[in-house]
Amino acid sequence: MGILGSGGDECYVCGKEIDSDDCIEKDGEKFCCEKCEEKFEEEQVEEDEICQFC
């Protein structure tokens, strides 16, 4: 939390952690909506709060 210059912060995709390069920041939390949508299209995940948030 708040580490500068790490470049490897985690963000959440339907409850999974990915690299910060793929993140979108919303209200101080990081998400990756595109990855989430891809999983929805493949029906690999159930709807959850993070996806709705994005």
Protein backbone atom coordinates (compact mmCIF):
# COMPACT_ATOMS: atom_id res chain seq x y z
CA MET A 1 0.00 0.00 0.00
CA GLY A 2 1.56 3.24 -1.15
CA ILE A 3 4.91 1.83 -2.21
CA LEU A 4 6.41 4.13 -4.83
CA GLY A 5 8.18 2.95 -7.98
CA SER A 6 7.38 -0.72 -7.52
CA GLY A 7 5.52 -1.01 -10.83
CA GLY A 8 4.16 -4.34 -9.64
CA ASP A 9 1.16 -3.29 -7.60
CA GLU A 10 -1.68 -5.78 -7.64
CA CYS A 11 -5.14 -5.04 -8.90
CA TYR A 12 -8.30 -7.06 -8.89
CA VAL A 13 -10.00 -8.79 -11.80
CA CYS A 14 -13.11 -10.62 -10.65
CA GLY A 15 -11.28 -11.41 -7.44
CA LYS A 16 -7.97 -12.31 -9.10
CA GLU A 17 -4.74 -10.33 -8.87
CA ILE A 18 -2.93 -9.10 -11.99
CA ASP A 19 -0.07 -6.75 -12.78
CA SER A 20 -0.68 -3.03 -12.31
CA ASP A 21 0.15 -2.36 -15.98
CA ASP A 22 -3.31 -3.72 -16.79
CA CYS A 23 -5.10 -1.80 -14.03
CA ILE A 24 -7.69 0.93 -14.07
CA GLU A 25 -7.93 2.95 -10.87
CA LYS A 26 -11.40 3.73 -9.53
CA ASP A 27 -12.06 5.51 -6.23
CA GLY A 28 -8.57 4.68 -4.98
CA GLU A 29 -8.81 0.96 -5.84
CA LYS A 30 -7.36 -0.74 -8.87
CA PHE A 31 -9.32 -2.91 -11.27
CA CYS A 32 -8.96 -4.26 -14.78
CA CYS A 33 -12.38 -4.16 -16.38
CA GLU A 34 -11.36 -5.44 -19.79
CA LYS A 35 -9.96 -8.68 -18.39
CA CYS A 36 -13.10 -9.06 -16.34
CA GLU A 37 -15.31 -8.62 -19.39
CA GLU A 38 -13.27 -11.19 -21.32
CA LYS A 39 -13.90 -13.72 -18.58
CA PHE A 40 -17.62 -12.90 -18.67
CA GLU A 41 -17.75 -13.56 -22.42
CA GLU A 42 -16.17 -16.96 -21.83
CA GLU A 43 -18.59 -17.56 -18.93
CA GLN A 44 -15.67 -18.51 -16.68
CA VAL A 45 -16.70 -16.31 -13.77
CA GLU A 46 -19.84 -15.44 -11.91
CA GLU A 47 -21.04 -11.87 -11.63
CA ASP A 48 -19.48 -10.14 -8.63
CA GLU A 49 -19.18 -6.71 -7.05
CA ILE A 50 -15.88 -5.87 -8.73
CA CYS A 51 -17.27 -6.48 -12.21
CA GLN A 52 -20.37 -4.45 -11.43
CA PHE A 53 -18.15 -1.69 -10.05
CA CYS A 54 -16.26 -1.48 -13.31
